N, C-alpha and C. Protein backbone atom coordinates (compact mmCIF):
# COMPACT_ATOMS: atom_id res chain seq x y z
N MET A 1 211.23 -168.57 87.07
CA MET A 1 211.28 -170.09 85.66
C MET A 1 210.30 -170.68 85.67
N LYS A 2 209.43 -171.94 85.23
CA LYS A 2 208.74 -172.99 86.33
C LYS A 2 209.46 -174.52 85.68
N PRO A 3 209.27 -175.24 86.47
CA PRO A 3 209.76 -176.04 86.03
C PRO A 3 209.15 -176.78 85.65
N ASP A 4 210.02 -178.12 84.77
CA ASP A 4 209.79 -178.94 83.63
C ASP A 4 209.22 -180.82 84.19
N ASN A 5 207.60 -180.50 83.87
CA ASN A 5 207.42 -181.61 84.49
C ASN A 5 206.68 -182.76 83.79
N SER A 6 207.74 -182.31 82.78
CA SER A 6 207.56 -183.40 81.43
C SER A 6 208.01 -184.80 82.63
N LEU A 7 209.18 -184.81 83.09
CA LEU A 7 209.48 -186.31 83.29
C LEU A 7 208.78 -187.27 84.63
N THR A 8 208.03 -185.91 85.60
CA THR A 8 207.50 -186.26 86.11
C THR A 8 205.86 -186.76 86.30
N ASP A 9 205.39 -186.11 84.44
CA ASP A 9 204.25 -186.63 84.05
C ASP A 9 204.39 -188.38 84.38
N GLU A 10 205.10 -188.61 83.72
CA GLU A 10 205.30 -189.55 82.52
C GLU A 10 206.54 -191.46 83.07
N TYR A 11 207.27 -190.82 84.14
CA TYR A 11 207.91 -191.19 84.89
C TYR A 11 207.69 -192.32 86.40
N ARG A 12 207.47 -193.19 86.52
CA ARG A 12 207.94 -193.07 88.47
C ARG A 12 208.18 -193.74 88.60
N PRO A 13 209.54 -193.54 89.86
CA PRO A 13 210.72 -194.45 90.37
C PRO A 13 210.37 -196.03 90.73
N THR A 14 211.04 -196.60 90.25
CA THR A 14 210.56 -198.47 91.37
C THR A 14 211.98 -198.69 91.71
N GLU A 15 211.40 -199.81 92.49
CA GLU A 15 212.73 -200.94 92.85
C GLU A 15 212.82 -201.85 92.54
N ASP A 16 212.68 -202.07 91.34
CA ASP A 16 213.53 -202.34 90.48
C ASP A 16 214.58 -201.78 89.49
N GLU A 17 214.98 -200.88 90.20
CA GLU A 17 215.88 -199.91 89.06
C GLU A 17 217.60 -200.31 90.49
N PRO A 18 217.83 -199.23 89.59
CA PRO A 18 219.12 -198.68 91.07
C PRO A 18 219.11 -197.52 91.84
N PHE A 19 219.03 -197.51 92.71
CA PHE A 19 218.23 -196.57 93.99
C PHE A 19 219.31 -194.75 93.80
N MET A 20 218.21 -194.28 93.66
CA MET A 20 219.20 -192.48 93.16
C MET A 20 219.77 -192.94 91.91
N ASN A 21 219.26 -193.23 90.44
CA ASN A 21 219.97 -193.53 89.50
C ASN A 21 219.60 -192.07 88.48
N GLU A 22 220.53 -191.39 87.80
CA GLU A 22 220.65 -189.72 88.00
C GLU A 22 219.27 -189.63 87.03
N ARG A 23 218.59 -190.69 86.41
CA ARG A 23 216.85 -190.58 85.67
C ARG A 23 215.50 -190.50 87.54
N GLN A 24 216.21 -191.23 88.65
CA GLN A 24 215.19 -191.39 89.37
C GLN A 24 215.62 -189.84 90.19
N MET A 25 217.12 -189.22 90.65
CA MET A 25 216.97 -187.45 91.38
C MET A 25 217.07 -187.10 89.87
N ASP A 26 217.10 -187.05 88.37
CA ASP A 26 216.22 -186.13 87.56
C ASP A 26 214.77 -186.29 88.60
N TYR A 27 213.68 -186.55 88.87
CA TYR A 27 212.08 -187.64 89.00
C TYR A 27 212.97 -186.43 89.90
N PHE A 28 212.75 -187.35 91.19
CA PHE A 28 213.01 -185.48 92.58
C PHE A 28 213.24 -184.16 92.38
N ARG A 29 213.56 -183.73 91.80
CA ARG A 29 214.62 -182.47 91.10
C ARG A 29 213.40 -182.55 90.77
N GLN A 30 212.82 -182.54 89.73
CA GLN A 30 211.45 -181.85 89.31
C GLN A 30 210.21 -181.92 90.05
N LYS A 31 210.10 -182.73 91.23
CA LYS A 31 209.48 -182.65 91.79
C LYS A 31 209.18 -181.37 93.21
N LEU A 32 210.92 -181.33 93.32
CA LEU A 32 210.74 -180.51 94.75
C LEU A 32 210.90 -179.36 93.38
N LEU A 33 211.36 -178.71 92.63
CA LEU A 33 211.16 -177.67 92.19
C LEU A 33 209.78 -177.19 91.52
N THR A 34 208.66 -178.30 91.60
CA THR A 34 207.15 -177.63 90.69
C THR A 34 207.00 -177.38 92.10
N TRP A 35 206.70 -178.54 93.80
CA TRP A 35 206.41 -177.86 94.30
C TRP A 35 207.23 -176.30 94.78
N LYS A 36 208.40 -176.02 95.33
CA LYS A 36 209.10 -175.03 95.81
C LYS A 36 208.50 -173.77 94.67
N HIS A 37 208.67 -174.30 93.56
CA HIS A 37 207.47 -172.56 92.66
C HIS A 37 206.25 -172.61 92.87
N GLU A 38 205.04 -173.60 92.98
CA GLU A 38 203.94 -173.86 93.99
C GLU A 38 203.86 -173.38 95.41
N LEU A 39 204.68 -173.29 95.91
CA LEU A 39 204.71 -172.88 96.69
C LEU A 39 204.79 -170.83 96.71
N LEU A 40 206.34 -171.21 96.14
CA LEU A 40 206.47 -169.13 95.75
C LEU A 40 205.23 -169.00 95.41
N GLU A 41 204.14 -169.29 94.60
CA GLU A 41 203.32 -168.29 93.79
C GLU A 41 202.62 -168.40 94.65
N GLN A 42 201.84 -168.99 95.61
CA GLN A 42 201.44 -168.77 96.62
C GLN A 42 200.77 -167.79 97.87
N SER A 43 202.45 -167.60 98.20
CA SER A 43 203.53 -166.93 99.09
C SER A 43 203.06 -165.43 98.70
N ALA A 44 202.88 -165.36 96.75
CA ALA A 44 202.73 -164.22 96.25
C ALA A 44 201.74 -163.87 96.15
N GLU A 45 200.97 -165.15 96.00
CA GLU A 45 199.03 -164.08 96.02
C GLU A 45 199.08 -163.89 97.77
N THR A 46 199.25 -164.70 98.35
CA THR A 46 199.30 -164.66 100.09
C THR A 46 200.07 -163.47 100.47
N LEU A 47 200.81 -163.08 100.08
CA LEU A 47 200.84 -161.03 100.26
C LEU A 47 200.50 -160.30 99.48
N GLU A 48 199.86 -161.17 98.52
CA GLU A 48 199.24 -159.68 97.72
C GLU A 48 197.90 -159.24 98.05
N GLY A 49 197.18 -160.50 98.99
CA GLY A 49 196.19 -160.66 99.30
C GLY A 49 196.10 -159.24 100.47
N LEU A 50 196.92 -159.63 101.78
CA LEU A 50 197.42 -159.38 102.82
C LEU A 50 197.84 -158.24 102.29
N SER A 51 198.08 -157.23 101.60
CA SER A 51 198.40 -156.01 101.03
C SER A 51 196.92 -155.17 100.99
N GLN A 52 196.64 -156.02 99.34
CA GLN A 52 195.11 -155.43 99.58
C GLN A 52 194.84 -154.82 101.22
N SER A 53 193.67 -156.43 102.11
CA SER A 53 193.11 -156.52 102.75
C SER A 53 193.55 -154.48 103.78
N ALA A 54 195.03 -154.12 104.35
CA ALA A 54 195.41 -153.58 104.12
C ALA A 54 194.58 -152.46 105.43
N ARG A 55 193.29 -152.07 105.00
CA ARG A 55 192.53 -150.90 104.72
C ARG A 55 191.83 -150.78 106.70
N SER A 56 191.26 -149.26 107.10
CA SER A 56 190.86 -148.76 108.17
C SER A 56 189.43 -150.14 108.00
N VAL A 57 188.65 -151.21 108.88
CA VAL A 57 187.85 -150.73 108.35
C VAL A 57 187.06 -150.14 110.21
N PRO A 58 186.02 -149.98 109.43
CA PRO A 58 184.97 -149.32 110.68
C PRO A 58 184.33 -150.21 111.85
N ASP A 59 184.03 -151.28 111.87
CA ASP A 59 182.98 -151.92 112.45
C ASP A 59 184.08 -152.37 113.70
N VAL A 60 183.91 -152.59 114.84
CA VAL A 60 185.07 -154.03 115.53
C VAL A 60 185.40 -154.86 114.95
N SER A 61 183.50 -155.68 114.90
CA SER A 61 184.10 -157.03 114.54
C SER A 61 183.91 -157.13 113.11
N ASP A 62 184.22 -156.44 112.70
CA ASP A 62 185.09 -157.18 110.96
C ASP A 62 186.22 -157.14 110.81
N ARG A 63 186.51 -155.42 112.11
CA ARG A 63 188.39 -155.99 111.96
C ARG A 63 188.79 -156.44 113.06
N ALA A 64 187.96 -156.86 113.95
CA ALA A 64 188.37 -158.18 113.76
C ALA A 64 188.29 -159.59 113.57
N SER A 65 187.72 -159.91 113.13
CA SER A 65 187.69 -161.70 111.46
C SER A 65 188.22 -161.23 110.38
N GLU A 66 188.99 -159.50 110.57
CA GLU A 66 189.86 -159.29 109.21
C GLU A 66 190.93 -159.73 110.08
N GLU A 67 191.20 -159.49 111.41
CA GLU A 67 192.45 -160.22 111.63
C GLU A 67 193.08 -160.87 112.34
N THR A 68 191.84 -161.79 111.76
CA THR A 68 191.74 -163.89 112.81
C THR A 68 192.24 -163.84 111.57
N ASP A 69 191.91 -163.36 110.58
CA ASP A 69 192.04 -163.50 108.86
C ASP A 69 193.51 -163.32 108.52
N ARG A 70 193.84 -162.51 109.00
CA ARG A 70 195.69 -161.67 107.90
C ARG A 70 196.40 -163.11 109.05
N SER A 71 195.84 -163.15 109.93
CA SER A 71 197.26 -163.67 111.35
C SER A 71 197.17 -164.50 111.16
N LEU A 72 195.79 -166.13 110.53
CA LEU A 72 195.40 -166.71 110.08
C LEU A 72 196.32 -166.69 108.19
N GLU A 73 196.89 -165.96 107.37
CA GLU A 73 197.60 -166.02 106.73
C GLU A 73 198.88 -165.97 107.17
N LEU A 74 199.02 -165.17 108.25
CA LEU A 74 200.93 -165.08 108.25
C LEU A 74 201.02 -165.94 108.85
N ARG A 75 200.38 -166.80 110.08
CA ARG A 75 201.21 -168.01 110.21
C ARG A 75 201.33 -169.61 108.58
N THR A 76 200.53 -169.36 108.08
CA THR A 76 200.16 -170.15 106.76
C THR A 76 201.05 -170.01 105.87
N ARG A 77 201.54 -168.28 105.89
CA ARG A 77 203.26 -167.86 104.55
C ARG A 77 204.33 -168.04 105.88
N ASP A 78 204.23 -168.09 107.23
CA ASP A 78 205.06 -168.73 107.70
C ASP A 78 205.53 -170.20 107.67
N ARG A 79 204.10 -171.17 107.06
CA ARG A 79 204.77 -172.69 107.24
C ARG A 79 205.66 -173.24 105.64
N GLN A 80 204.73 -172.19 104.74
CA GLN A 80 205.42 -172.08 103.48
C GLN A 80 206.92 -171.97 102.95
N ARG A 81 206.90 -171.34 104.06
CA ARG A 81 208.44 -170.78 103.71
C ARG A 81 209.41 -171.85 104.63
N LYS A 82 209.12 -171.71 105.84
CA LYS A 82 209.59 -172.59 106.17
C LYS A 82 209.90 -174.32 105.64
N LEU A 83 208.41 -174.53 104.59
CA LEU A 83 208.59 -175.33 103.75
C LEU A 83 209.84 -174.84 102.59
N VAL A 84 209.78 -174.33 102.26
CA VAL A 84 211.04 -174.19 101.00
C VAL A 84 212.58 -174.06 101.46
N ASN A 85 212.47 -173.58 102.85
CA ASN A 85 213.71 -173.79 103.25
C ASN A 85 213.97 -175.34 102.87
N LYS A 86 212.79 -176.59 103.53
CA LYS A 86 213.35 -177.64 103.39
C LYS A 86 213.47 -178.07 101.99
N ILE A 87 212.67 -177.15 100.88
CA ILE A 87 212.42 -177.87 100.30
C ILE A 87 214.27 -177.20 99.05
N ASP A 88 214.88 -176.66 99.44
CA ASP A 88 216.09 -175.91 99.33
C ASP A 88 216.71 -177.23 99.78
N ALA A 89 216.94 -177.68 101.33
CA ALA A 89 217.94 -178.20 101.37
C ALA A 89 218.49 -180.26 101.36
N ALA A 90 216.23 -180.14 100.72
CA ALA A 90 217.28 -181.07 99.97
C ALA A 90 217.13 -182.06 98.57
N LEU A 91 217.18 -180.81 97.78
CA LEU A 91 217.56 -179.42 96.55
C LEU A 91 219.55 -179.50 96.86
N ARG A 92 219.60 -179.59 97.85
CA ARG A 92 221.33 -179.11 98.06
C ARG A 92 221.63 -180.81 98.42
N ARG A 93 220.90 -181.52 99.20
CA ARG A 93 221.23 -182.71 99.16
C ARG A 93 221.11 -183.79 97.64
N LEU A 94 220.53 -184.12 97.27
CA LEU A 94 220.19 -184.18 95.39
C LEU A 94 221.47 -183.55 94.73
N ASP A 95 221.80 -182.65 95.14
CA ASP A 95 223.25 -182.47 94.67
C ASP A 95 224.52 -182.97 94.66
N SER A 96 224.90 -183.30 96.25
CA SER A 96 225.53 -183.78 97.27
C SER A 96 225.94 -185.19 97.19
N GLY A 97 224.29 -185.82 97.00
CA GLY A 97 224.38 -187.41 96.33
C GLY A 97 224.04 -187.71 97.96
N GLU A 98 223.25 -187.78 98.62
CA GLU A 98 222.42 -187.96 100.64
C GLU A 98 221.87 -188.09 100.03
N PHE A 99 220.63 -187.53 98.99
CA PHE A 99 219.27 -187.54 98.84
C PHE A 99 218.51 -189.05 99.22
N GLY A 100 217.35 -189.52 100.01
CA GLY A 100 217.34 -190.98 99.45
C GLY A 100 217.63 -191.48 100.72
N TYR A 101 218.95 -190.57 101.52
CA TYR A 101 219.70 -192.10 102.47
C TYR A 101 219.17 -191.56 103.94
N CYS A 102 218.88 -192.11 104.44
CA CYS A 102 218.94 -191.46 106.02
C CYS A 102 219.01 -191.48 106.75
N GLU A 103 219.37 -190.08 107.59
CA GLU A 103 220.61 -189.17 107.85
C GLU A 103 220.56 -189.89 109.87
N LYS A 104 220.20 -190.23 109.49
CA LYS A 104 220.25 -191.58 110.98
C LYS A 104 220.92 -192.57 110.98
N THR A 105 220.17 -193.37 110.64
CA THR A 105 221.09 -195.21 109.72
C THR A 105 222.25 -194.24 108.46
N GLY A 106 221.71 -194.77 107.46
CA GLY A 106 222.41 -193.88 106.35
C GLY A 106 221.82 -195.65 105.21
N GLU A 107 220.85 -195.69 106.30
CA GLU A 107 220.28 -197.11 104.79
C GLU A 107 218.99 -196.04 103.45
N GLN A 108 218.57 -196.71 103.23
CA GLN A 108 218.05 -196.09 102.22
C GLN A 108 216.58 -196.30 102.41
N ILE A 109 215.76 -194.61 102.15
CA ILE A 109 214.74 -194.55 101.86
C ILE A 109 213.81 -194.61 100.99
N SER A 110 212.80 -195.75 101.42
CA SER A 110 211.77 -195.66 100.30
C SER A 110 210.99 -195.05 99.05
N LEU A 111 211.04 -195.36 98.43
CA LEU A 111 211.11 -194.80 96.56
C LEU A 111 209.26 -193.99 97.13
N ARG A 112 208.98 -194.00 98.25
CA ARG A 112 207.22 -194.61 98.21
C ARG A 112 206.88 -193.31 98.94
N ARG A 113 208.11 -193.47 100.47
CA ARG A 113 207.92 -191.91 101.77
C ARG A 113 208.49 -190.71 100.45
N LEU A 114 209.56 -191.56 99.79
CA LEU A 114 210.47 -190.70 98.89
C LEU A 114 209.87 -189.08 98.13
N ASP A 115 208.39 -190.31 97.18
CA ASP A 115 207.23 -189.95 96.26
C ASP A 115 206.75 -189.11 96.68
N ALA A 116 205.91 -189.75 98.09
CA ALA A 116 205.32 -189.25 99.97
C ALA A 116 205.55 -187.98 100.17
N ARG A 117 207.15 -187.68 100.31
CA ARG A 117 207.72 -186.26 100.96
C ARG A 117 208.56 -186.45 100.62
N PRO A 118 208.70 -185.65 99.57
CA PRO A 118 210.25 -185.74 99.12
C PRO A 118 211.08 -185.18 99.41
N ILE A 119 210.85 -184.37 100.66
CA ILE A 119 211.58 -183.44 102.10
C ILE A 119 212.37 -185.04 102.78
N ALA A 120 211.44 -185.60 102.43
CA ALA A 120 212.07 -186.57 104.25
C ALA A 120 213.34 -186.76 104.74
N THR A 121 214.16 -187.05 105.30
CA THR A 121 215.61 -187.74 105.82
C THR A 121 215.67 -188.38 106.42
N MET A 122 214.90 -188.96 107.14
CA MET A 122 214.27 -190.42 108.07
C MET A 122 213.56 -191.11 107.60
N THR A 123 213.67 -192.92 106.82
CA THR A 123 213.59 -193.67 106.77
C THR A 123 211.80 -193.47 108.20
N LEU A 124 211.07 -193.93 107.30
CA LEU A 124 210.18 -194.00 108.54
C LEU A 124 210.21 -194.68 109.64
N GLU A 125 210.78 -195.57 109.71
CA GLU A 125 210.88 -196.81 111.74
C GLU A 125 212.29 -195.63 112.36
N ALA A 126 212.50 -195.20 111.41
CA ALA A 126 213.87 -193.28 112.32
C ALA A 126 212.57 -193.06 112.39
N GLN A 127 211.70 -192.55 111.90
CA GLN A 127 211.58 -190.80 111.65
C GLN A 127 210.31 -190.98 113.69
N GLU A 128 209.63 -192.60 113.39
CA GLU A 128 209.01 -193.36 114.33
C GLU A 128 209.79 -193.38 115.35
N ARG A 129 210.58 -193.54 116.11
CA ARG A 129 212.13 -193.71 116.47
C ARG A 129 212.04 -192.36 116.84
N HIS A 130 212.30 -191.85 116.45
CA HIS A 130 212.75 -190.64 117.24
C HIS A 130 211.71 -189.26 117.16
N GLU A 131 210.23 -190.03 117.02
CA GLU A 131 208.71 -189.04 117.07
C GLU A 131 208.72 -189.69 118.50
N ARG A 132 208.82 -190.71 119.03
CA ARG A 132 208.44 -191.65 120.30
C ARG A 132 209.05 -190.88 121.29
N ARG A 133 211.20 -190.85 121.07
CA ARG A 133 211.83 -190.29 121.43
C ARG A 133 211.52 -188.54 122.55
N GLU A 134 211.48 -187.91 121.15
CA GLU A 134 210.18 -186.31 121.35
C GLU A 134 209.61 -186.48 122.16
N ARG A 135 208.69 -187.73 122.08
CA ARG A 135 207.37 -188.13 123.13
C ARG A 135 208.10 -187.59 124.23
N VAL A 136 208.93 -189.23 124.49
CA VAL A 136 208.99 -188.52 126.30
C VAL A 136 209.48 -187.85 126.89
N HIS A 137 210.83 -186.42 125.98
CA HIS A 137 211.18 -186.12 126.01
C HIS A 137 210.40 -185.28 126.38
N ARG A 138 209.25 -184.88 125.62
CA ARG A 138 208.16 -183.73 126.54
C ARG A 138 207.69 -184.20 127.52
N ASP A 139 207.79 -185.06 128.04
CA ASP A 139 206.28 -185.97 129.25
C ASP A 139 207.40 -185.49 130.40
N ASP A 140 208.63 -185.18 130.34
CA ASP A 140 209.36 -185.10 131.43
C ASP A 140 209.51 -183.29 131.98
């Protein structure tokens, strides 16, 4: 089923309305569902392309090139699968009333950030602190 884009086409959440009101929640739900639908369509196309290209290529360099392409497609497909899982998690947060709030601080995530990255789970500041901590521990 294709998501209804009518809400996202004309409405944009603003800071001067109550945070995560029903209209904003509907907006983000449609945005997430549309994104998920597009990813699933791309995945189906990728799988179809992979199944069609699964033929024996006699030339060694052509075969190597095809294997490289196939590997890239599979990595892309894996990233899409992980992204769909994050979208599903965001939809669950919408259902539970946790969407739009930082999982570390409990503060509201800015509408601009959510509009740009609706799967965000942290405020920009919390995300930056998290990434700095990861870099420090990775360097140990």
